Amino acid sequence: MTLRSTQACQHCTLRQLCLPVGLPQEELWQLDEIVQQRRPLPKGTTLFAMGAPFEALYAVRTGALKTVLVSNDGTEQITGFALAGDLLGLDAIHSGKHPVSAVALESTSVCAVPYSHVDELAGRLPTFRQHMMSVMSQELAHDEDLHVLLGQRSAEQRLATFLIALSERHRARGLAPHHFSLPMSRADIANHLGLTQETISRLFTQLRNQGVINLHTRDLQILEPDRLRNSAGVTITSAASSA
């Protein structure tokens, strides 16, 4: 179910994340005509299911979602987490079907953009087309970074890299980069990083005892960001911001 847009793209506080910088006013008006705001998704609700026909791109306005891949034996692998300002659905353009499911981690609202209109706009609005190509390139870079992270890094490096990437994503949104709430559970983090929940809990405790972080339930405060970066052992790039 959709709602008629009550907050135009030109006034949205997240426009710099999901829309190209400097998009001409007349192009913003054309986007406003096709963007649909959906009713909030309660926690645990599926936005789109793996294998479902690809119909629209989604921009997260509030809340957070996880993307989940299910193997033939029923094993679930969390491939990423979408926060406010992120785009979902780009990986379905090629096949016409969603390769993953997107599930709300908390009450979440999204803007839906029917892809038929996106394709049409991209064909006649050069700035918008260039932005879409840039976002898709970032998605590919993120997939490569994740492959390296899971295949070559220690458990400590995986968690530290994940937390730093989340910090940078909050910074990009103009939010406090060192104090924020984790929308995902420890089990979700463990699944995403290819670790056990017990290992994640142990590493959080270790970082807290070392004075690097302070964690109460899901309220995270990074006390020593430089030490956390050192623990990551890698440089966090913009591509890694879609953890």
C-alpha atoms as a PDB file:
ATOM      1  CA  MET A   1       0.000   0.000   0.000  1.00  0.00           C
ATOM      2  CA  THR A   2       1.273   3.485  -0.859  1.00  0.00           C
ATOM      3  CA  LEU A   3       0.648   6.990   0.359  1.00  0.00           C
ATOM      4  CA  ARG A   4       0.710  10.120  -1.718  1.00  0.00           C
ATOM      5  CA  SER A   5       4.023  11.879  -1.070  1.00  0.00           C
ATOM      6  CA  THR A   6       3.776  14.500   1.662  1.00  0.00           C
ATOM      7  CA  GLN A   7       7.483  15.295   1.657  1.00  0.00           C
ATOM      8  CA  ALA A   8       8.918  16.282  -1.711  1.00  0.00           C
ATOM      9  CA  CYS A   9      12.376  15.069  -2.702  1.00  0.00           C
ATOM     10  CA  GLN A  10      13.587  18.662  -2.847  1.00  0.00           C
ATOM     11  CA  HIS A  11      12.847  19.119   0.870  1.00  0.00           C
ATOM     12  CA  CYS A  12      13.936  15.668   2.096  1.00  0.00           C
ATOM     13  CA  THR A  13      16.877  15.716   4.521  1.00  0.00           C
ATOM     14  CA  LEU A  14      18.247  12.527   2.890  1.00  0.00           C
ATOM     15  CA  ARG A  15      18.240  13.775  -0.699  1.00  0.00           C
ATOM     16  CA  GLN A  16      22.044  14.163  -0.760  1.00  0.00           C
ATOM     17  CA  LEU A  17      22.372  10.416  -0.102  1.00  0.00           C
ATOM     18  CA  CYS A  18      19.885   8.874  -2.534  1.00  0.00           C
ATOM     19  CA  LEU A  19      19.810  11.659  -5.163  1.00  0.00           C
ATOM     20  CA  PRO A  20      22.644  13.229  -7.138  1.00  0.00           C
ATOM     21  CA  VAL A  21      24.069  16.483  -5.812  1.00  0.00           C
ATOM     22  CA  GLY A  22      23.076  19.457  -7.935  1.00  0.00           C
ATOM     23  CA  LEU A  23      20.062  17.806  -9.584  1.00  0.00           C
ATOM     24  CA  PRO A  24      18.270  20.637 -11.429  1.00  0.00           C
ATOM     25  CA  GLN A  25      14.983  21.866  -9.966  1.00  0.00           C
ATOM     26  CA  GLU A  26      12.967  20.735 -12.981  1.00  0.00           C
ATOM     27  CA  GLU A  27      14.368  17.199 -12.630  1.00  0.00           C
ATOM     28  CA  LEU A  28      13.474  17.142  -8.928  1.00  0.00           C
ATOM     29  CA  TRP A  29       9.894  17.990  -9.800  1.00  0.00           C
ATOM     30  CA  GLN A  30       9.779  15.071 -12.222  1.00  0.00           C
ATOM     31  CA  LEU A  31      11.039  12.736  -9.495  1.00  0.00           C
ATOM     32  CA  ASP A  32       8.404  14.034  -7.088  1.00  0.00           C
ATOM     33  CA  GLU A  33       5.739  12.922  -9.559  1.00  0.00           C
ATOM     34  CA  ILE A  34       6.745   9.245  -9.409  1.00  0.00           C
ATOM     35  CA  VAL A  35       8.068   8.725  -5.864  1.00  0.00           C
ATOM     36  CA  GLN A  36       5.630   6.894  -3.600  1.00  0.00           C
ATOM     37  CA  GLN A  37       5.884   6.834   0.192  1.00  0.00           C
ATOM     38  CA  ARG A  38       4.829   3.506   1.677  1.00  0.00           C
ATOM     39  CA  ARG A  39       3.203   2.947   5.034  1.00  0.00           C
ATOM     40  CA  PRO A  40       5.706   2.077   7.798  1.00  0.00           C
ATOM     41  CA  LEU A  41       6.850  -1.549   7.832  1.00  0.00           C
ATOM     42  CA  PRO A  42       6.630  -3.130  11.300  1.00  0.00           C
ATOM     43  CA  LYS A  43       9.713  -4.961  12.577  1.00  0.00           C
ATOM     44  CA  GLY A  44      10.082  -8.329  10.864  1.00  0.00           C
ATOM     45  CA  THR A  45       8.033  -7.359   7.811  1.00  0.00           C
ATOM     46  CA  THR A  46       9.395  -8.292   4.392  1.00  0.00           C
ATOM     47  CA  LEU A  47       9.660  -5.398   1.934  1.00  0.00           C
ATOM     48  CA  PHE A  48      10.364  -7.746  -0.969  1.00  0.00           C
ATOM     49  CA  ALA A  49      11.095 -11.465  -1.060  1.00  0.00           C
ATOM     50  CA  MET A  50      13.922 -13.344  -2.734  1.00  0.00           C
ATOM     51  CA  GLY A  51      12.769 -14.403  -6.196  1.00  0.00           C
ATOM     52  CA  ALA A  52       9.942 -11.858  -6.331  1.00  0.00           C
ATOM     53  CA  PRO A  53       9.518  -9.869  -9.561  1.00  0.00           C
ATOM     54  CA  PHE A  54      11.489  -6.631  -9.647  1.00  0.00           C
ATOM     55  CA  GLU A  55       9.087  -3.705  -9.812  1.00  0.00           C
ATOM     56  CA  ALA A  56      10.641  -0.772  -7.973  1.00  0.00           C
ATOM     57  CA  LEU A  57      13.694   0.707  -6.322  1.00  0.00           C
ATOM     58  CA  TYR A  58      13.360   1.643  -2.656  1.00  0.00           C
ATOM     59  CA  ALA A  59      14.989   4.457  -0.704  1.00  0.00           C
ATOM     60  CA  VAL A  60      14.994   3.985   3.072  1.00  0.00           C
ATOM     61  CA  ARG A  61      13.571   7.073   4.812  1.00  0.00           C
ATOM     62  CA  THR A  62      13.607   5.889   8.418  1.00  0.00           C
ATOM     63  CA  GLY A  63      14.545   2.676  10.191  1.00  0.00           C
ATOM     64  CA  ALA A  64      16.729  -0.146   8.867  1.00  0.00           C
ATOM     65  CA  LEU A  65      16.483  -3.425   6.945  1.00  0.00           C
ATOM     66  CA  LYS A  66      18.638  -6.484   6.406  1.00  0.00           C
ATOM     67  CA  THR A  67      19.080  -8.213   3.064  1.00  0.00           C
ATOM     68  CA  VAL A  68      19.019 -12.006   3.259  1.00  0.00           C
ATOM     69  CA  LEU A  69      20.084 -14.692   0.801  1.00  0.00           C
ATOM     70  CA  VAL A  70      18.632 -18.180   1.296  1.00  0.00           C
ATOM     71  CA  SER A  71      20.585 -21.152  -0.090  1.00  0.00           C
ATOM     72  CA  ASN A  72      19.063 -24.330  -1.494  1.00  0.00           C
ATOM     73  CA  ASP A  73      19.413 -26.069   1.870  1.00  0.00           C
ATOM     74  CA  GLY A  74      17.565 -23.261   3.648  1.00  0.00           C
ATOM     75  CA  THR A  75      20.636 -21.619   5.170  1.00  0.00           C
ATOM     76  CA  GLU A  76      20.247 -17.852   5.536  1.00  0.00           C
ATOM     77  CA  GLN A  77      23.113 -15.446   4.868  1.00  0.00           C
ATOM     78  CA  ILE A  78      22.706 -11.758   5.699  1.00  0.00           C
ATOM     79  CA  THR A  79      24.371  -9.899   2.837  1.00  0.00           C
ATOM     80  CA  GLY A  80      24.007  -6.362   4.181  1.00  0.00           C
ATOM     81  CA  PHE A  81      22.132  -3.764   6.194  1.00  0.00           C
ATOM     82  CA  ALA A  82      20.272  -0.798   4.710  1.00  0.00           C
ATOM     83  CA  LEU A  83      20.004   2.409   6.737  1.00  0.00           C
ATOM     84  CA  ALA A  84      18.179   5.685   6.097  1.00  0.00           C
ATOM     85  CA  GLY A  85      19.287   7.118   2.751  1.00  0.00           C
ATOM     86  CA  ASP A  86      20.268   3.761   1.228  1.00  0.00           C
ATOM     87  CA  LEU A  87      18.803   2.411  -2.027  1.00  0.00           C
ATOM     88  CA  LEU A  88      17.507  -1.153  -2.312  1.00  0.00           C
ATOM     89  CA  GLY A  89      16.698  -3.221  -5.384  1.00  0.00           C
ATOM     90  CA  LEU A  90      19.559  -2.304  -7.721  1.00  0.00           C
ATOM     91  CA  ASP A  91      20.814  -5.908  -7.734  1.00  0.00           C
ATOM     92  CA  ALA A  92      17.525  -7.047  -9.313  1.00  0.00           C
ATOM     93  CA  ILE A  93      17.793  -4.957 -12.472  1.00  0.00           C
ATOM     94  CA  HIS A  94      19.691  -7.554 -14.504  1.00  0.00           C
ATOM     95  CA  SER A  95      17.541 -10.640 -13.849  1.00  0.00           C
ATOM     96  CA  GLY A  96      14.227  -8.929 -13.193  1.00  0.00           C
ATOM     97  CA  LYS A  97      13.928 -10.779  -9.880  1.00  0.00           C
ATOM     98  CA  HIS A  98      15.177  -9.921  -6.393  1.00  0.00           C
ATOM     99  CA  PRO A  99      18.206 -12.108  -5.535  1.00  0.00           C
ATOM    100  CA  VAL A 100      17.701 -11.443  -1.814  1.00  0.00           C
ATOM    101  CA  SER A 101      14.894 -10.645   0.617  1.00  0.00           C
ATOM    102  CA  ALA A 102      14.725  -7.338   2.496  1.00  0.00           C
ATOM    103  CA  VAL A 103      13.369  -7.527   6.056  1.00  0.00           C
ATOM    104  CA  ALA A 104      12.704  -4.618   8.433  1.00  0.00           C
ATOM    105  CA  LEU A 105      14.893  -4.672  11.556  1.00  0.00           C
ATOM    106  CA  GLU A 106      12.661  -2.066  13.207  1.00  0.00           C
ATOM    107  CA  SER A 107       9.726   0.107  12.201  1.00  0.00           C
ATOM    108  CA  THR A 108      10.853   1.311   8.785  1.00  0.00           C
ATOM    109  CA  SER A 109       9.495   3.605   6.089  1.00  0.00           C
ATOM    110  CA  VAL A 110      10.626   3.677   2.470  1.00  0.00           C
ATOM    111  CA  CYS A 111      10.043   5.624  -0.717  1.00  0.00           C
ATOM    112  CA  ALA A 112       9.242   3.417  -3.707  1.00  0.00           C
ATOM    113  CA  VAL A 113      10.160   4.417  -7.254  1.00  0.00           C
ATOM    114  CA  PRO A 114       8.608   2.204  -9.963  1.00  0.00           C
ATOM    115  CA  TYR A 115      11.493   1.051 -12.133  1.00  0.00           C
ATOM    116  CA  SER A 116       9.651   1.653 -15.383  1.00  0.00           C
ATOM    117  CA  HIS A 117       9.689   5.345 -14.491  1.00  0.00           C
ATOM    118  CA  VAL A 118      13.298   5.188 -13.275  1.00  0.00           C
ATOM    119  CA  ASP A 119      14.414   3.731 -16.598  1.00  0.00           C
ATOM    120  CA  GLU A 120      12.498   6.413 -18.465  1.00  0.00           C
ATOM    121  CA  LEU A 121      13.940   9.232 -16.316  1.00  0.00           C
ATOM    122  CA  ALA A 122      17.478   7.896 -16.612  1.00  0.00           C
ATOM    123  CA  GLY A 123      17.096   7.997 -20.382  1.00  0.00           C
ATOM    124  CA  ARG A 124      16.261  11.690 -20.496  1.00  0.00           C
ATOM    125  CA  LEU A 125      17.872  13.138 -17.343  1.00  0.00           C
ATOM    126  CA  PRO A 126      21.682  12.889 -17.672  1.00  0.00           C
ATOM    127  CA  THR A 127      22.424  13.879 -14.057  1.00  0.00           C
ATOM    128  CA  PHE A 128      20.070  11.236 -12.694  1.00  0.00           C
ATOM    129  CA  ARG A 129      21.473   8.569 -15.050  1.00  0.00           C
ATOM    130  CA  GLN A 130      25.040   9.307 -13.952  1.00  0.00           C
ATOM    131  CA  HIS A 131      24.008   9.056 -10.311  1.00  0.00           C
ATOM    132  CA  MET A 132      22.384   5.652 -10.841  1.00  0.00           C
ATOM    133  CA  MET A 133      25.550   4.378 -12.527  1.00  0.00           C
ATOM    134  CA  SER A 134      27.622   5.666  -9.599  1.00  0.00           C
ATOM    135  CA  VAL A 135      25.401   3.943  -7.034  1.00  0.00           C
ATOM    136  CA  MET A 136      25.565   0.643  -8.932  1.00  0.00           C
ATOM    137  CA  SER A 137      29.357   0.938  -9.093  1.00  0.00           C
ATOM    138  CA  GLN A 138      29.458   1.426  -5.315  1.00  0.00           C
ATOM    139  CA  GLU A 139      27.335  -1.709  -4.887  1.00  0.00           C
ATOM    140  CA  LEU A 140      29.874  -3.742  -6.867  1.00  0.00           C
ATOM    141  CA  ALA A 141      32.743  -2.294  -4.824  1.00  0.00           C
ATOM    142  CA  HIS A 142      30.925  -3.186  -1.595  1.00  0.00           C
ATOM    143  CA  ASP A 143      30.486  -6.794  -2.740  1.00  0.00           C
ATOM    144  CA  GLU A 144      34.219  -7.010  -3.424  1.00  0.00           C
ATOM    145  CA  ASP A 145      35.072  -5.495  -0.026  1.00  0.00           C
ATOM    146  CA  LEU A 146      32.765  -7.953   1.739  1.00  0.00           C
ATOM    147  CA  HIS A 147      34.380 -10.886  -0.045  1.00  0.00           C
ATOM    148  CA  VAL A 148      37.822  -9.752   1.154  1.00  0.00           C
ATOM    149  CA  LEU A 149      36.539  -9.073   4.670  1.00  0.00           C
ATOM    150  CA  LEU A 150      35.024 -12.532   5.106  1.00  0.00           C
ATOM    151  CA  GLY A 151      37.835 -14.401   3.421  1.00  0.00           C
ATOM    152  CA  GLN A 152      41.030 -12.822   4.680  1.00  0.00           C
ATOM    153  CA  ARG A 153      40.364 -11.045   7.996  1.00  0.00           C
ATOM    154  CA  SER A 154      40.420 -12.286  11.564  1.00  0.00           C
ATOM    155  CA  ALA A 155      37.285 -12.212  13.709  1.00  0.00           C
ATOM    156  CA  GLU A 156      38.543  -9.095  15.511  1.00  0.00           C
ATOM    157  CA  GLN A 157      39.224  -7.312  12.215  1.00  0.00           C
ATOM    158  CA  ARG A 158      35.811  -8.231  10.820  1.00  0.00           C
ATOM    159  CA  LEU A 159      33.903  -6.742  13.750  1.00  0.00           C
ATOM    160  CA  ALA A 160      36.111  -3.640  13.981  1.00  0.00           C
ATOM    161  CA  THR A 161      35.738  -2.997  10.240  1.00  0.00           C
ATOM    162  CA  PHE A 162      31.978  -3.448  10.488  1.00  0.00           C
ATOM    163  CA  LEU A 163      31.676  -0.942  13.363  1.00  0.00           C
ATOM    164  CA  ILE A 164      33.901   1.640  11.667  1.00  0.00           C
ATOM    165  CA  ALA A 165      31.859   1.316   8.458  1.00  0.00           C
ATOM    166  CA  LEU A 166      28.659   1.920  10.439  1.00  0.00           C
ATOM    167  CA  SER A 167      30.290   4.940  12.051  1.00  0.00           C
ATOM    168  CA  GLU A 168      31.165   6.390   8.639  1.00  0.00           C
ATOM    169  CA  ARG A 169      27.629   5.823   7.395  1.00  0.00           C
ATOM    170  CA  HIS A 170      26.262   7.817  10.327  1.00  0.00           C
ATOM    171  CA  ARG A 171      28.789  10.565   9.621  1.00  0.00           C
ATOM    172  CA  ALA A 172      27.618  10.744   5.992  1.00  0.00           C
ATOM    173  CA  ARG A 173      24.069  11.305   7.233  1.00  0.00           C
ATOM    174  CA  GLY A 174      25.087  14.192   9.473  1.00  0.00           C
ATOM    175  CA  LEU A 175      24.541  12.072  12.597  1.00  0.00           C
ATOM    176  CA  ALA A 176      26.848  11.416  15.543  1.00  0.00           C
ATOM    177  CA  PRO A 177      29.459   9.004  14.145  1.00  0.00           C
ATOM    178  CA  HIS A 178      30.636   7.684  17.515  1.00  0.00           C
ATOM    179  CA  HIS A 179      27.372   7.261  19.400  1.00  0.00           C
ATOM    180  CA  PHE A 180      24.421   5.457  17.829  1.00  0.00           C
ATOM    181  CA  SER A 181      22.035   2.553  18.240  1.00  0.00           C
ATOM    182  CA  LEU A 182      22.667  -0.764  16.495  1.00  0.00           C
ATOM    183  CA  PRO A 183      19.437  -1.723  14.672  1.00  0.00           C
ATOM    184  CA  MET A 184      20.646  -5.270  14.153  1.00  0.00           C
ATOM    185  CA  SER A 185      21.059  -8.006  16.771  1.00  0.00           C
ATOM    186  CA  ARG A 186      24.320  -9.728  17.700  1.00  0.00           C
ATOM    187  CA  ALA A 187      23.016 -12.801  15.885  1.00  0.00           C
ATOM    188  CA  ASP A 188      22.506 -10.732  12.728  1.00  0.00           C
ATOM    189  CA  ILE A 189      26.011  -9.256  12.969  1.00  0.00           C
ATOM    190  CA  ALA A 190      27.490 -12.720  13.485  1.00  0.00           C
ATOM    191  CA  ASN A 191      25.634 -14.116  10.484  1.00  0.00           C
ATOM    192  CA  HIS A 192      26.725 -11.216   8.271  1.00  0.00           C
ATOM    193  CA  LEU A 193      30.384 -11.511   9.291  1.00  0.00           C
ATOM    194  CA  GLY A 194      30.536 -15.299   9.117  1.00  0.00           C
ATOM    195  CA  LEU A 195      31.094 -15.711  12.856  1.00  0.00           C
ATOM    196  CA  THR A 196      29.199 -17.267  15.755  1.00  0.00           C
ATOM    197  CA  GLN A 197      27.044 -15.225  18.094  1.00  0.00           C
ATOM    198  CA  GLU A 198      29.262 -16.302  20.985  1.00  0.00           C
ATOM    199  CA  THR A 199      32.327 -14.921  19.185  1.00  0.00           C
ATOM    200  CA  ILE A 200      30.596 -11.573  18.555  1.00  0.00           C
ATOM    201  CA  SER A 201      29.567 -11.319  22.220  1.00  0.00           C
ATOM    202  CA  ARG A 202      33.112 -12.150  23.321  1.00  0.00           C
ATOM    203  CA  LEU A 203      34.609  -9.539  20.988  1.00  0.00           C
ATOM    204  CA  PHE A 204      32.181  -6.846  22.149  1.00  0.00           C
ATOM    205  CA  THR A 205      33.137  -7.643  25.745  1.00  0.00           C
ATOM    206  CA  GLN A 206      36.821  -7.520  24.832  1.00  0.00           C
ATOM    207  CA  LEU A 207      36.478  -4.106  23.157  1.00  0.00           C
ATOM    208  CA  ARG A 208      34.491  -2.808  26.132  1.00  0.00           C
ATOM    209  CA  ASN A 209      37.058  -4.069  28.648  1.00  0.00           C
ATOM    210  CA  GLN A 210      39.816  -2.417  26.610  1.00  0.00           C
ATOM    211  CA  GLY A 211      37.985   0.915  26.785  1.00  0.00           C
ATOM    212  CA  VAL A 212      37.544   1.079  23.005  1.00  0.00           C
ATOM    213  CA  ILE A 213      33.736   1.063  23.117  1.00  0.00           C
ATOM    214  CA  ASN A 214      30.867   1.308  25.562  1.00  0.00           C
ATOM    215  CA  LEU A 215      27.859  -0.880  24.803  1.00  0.00           C
ATOM    216  CA  HIS A 216      24.536  -1.108  26.661  1.00  0.00           C
ATOM    217  CA  THR A 217      22.127  -3.466  24.914  1.00  0.00           C
ATOM    218  CA  ARG A 218      22.268  -1.888  21.423  1.00  0.00           C
ATOM    219  CA  ASP A 219      23.404   1.597  22.381  1.00  0.00           C
ATOM    220  CA  LEU A 220      26.986   1.837  21.093  1.00  0.00           C
ATOM    221  CA  GLN A 221      29.531   4.506  21.942  1.00  0.00           C
ATOM    222  CA  ILE A 222      32.932   4.382  20.241  1.00  0.00           C
ATOM    223  CA  LEU A 223      35.316   5.834  22.812  1.00  0.00           C
ATOM    224  CA  GLU A 224      38.584   5.252  20.956  1.00  0.00           C
ATOM    225  CA  PRO A 225      37.899   5.411  17.183  1.00  0.00           C
ATOM    226  CA  ASP A 226      41.596   5.389  16.270  1.00  0.00           C
ATOM    227  CA  ARG A 227      42.178   2.204  18.256  1.00  0.00           C
ATOM    228  CA  LEU A 228      39.144   0.645  16.606  1.00  0.00           C
ATOM    229  CA  ARG A 229      40.553   1.552  13.183  1.00  0.00           C
ATOM    230  CA  ASN A 230      43.843  -0.027  14.142  1.00  0.00           C
ATOM    231  CA  SER A 231      41.993  -3.164  15.163  1.00  0.00           C
ATOM    232  CA  ALA A 232      40.294  -3.221  11.754  1.00  0.00           C
ATOM    233  CA  GLY A 233      43.649  -3.274  10.023  1.00  0.00           C
ATOM    234  CA  VAL A 234      42.136  -1.844   6.835  1.00  0.00           C
ATOM    235  CA  THR A 235      41.231   1.544   5.425  1.00  0.00           C
ATOM    236  CA  ILE A 236      37.476   2.170   5.383  1.00  0.00           C
ATOM    237  CA  THR A 237      36.466   3.556   1.981  1.00  0.00           C
ATOM    238  CA  SER A 238      33.187   5.057   0.842  1.00  0.00           C
ATOM    239  CA  ALA A 239      32.330   1.744  -0.800  1.00  0.00           C
ATOM    240  CA  ALA A 240      32.536   0.015   2.565  1.00  0.00           C
ATOM    241  CA  SER A 241      29.920   2.350   3.974  1.00  0.00           C
ATOM    242  CA  SER A 242      27.089   0.030   2.949  1.00  0.00           C
ATOM    243  CA  ALA A 243      27.969  -2.606   5.501  1.00  0.00           C
END
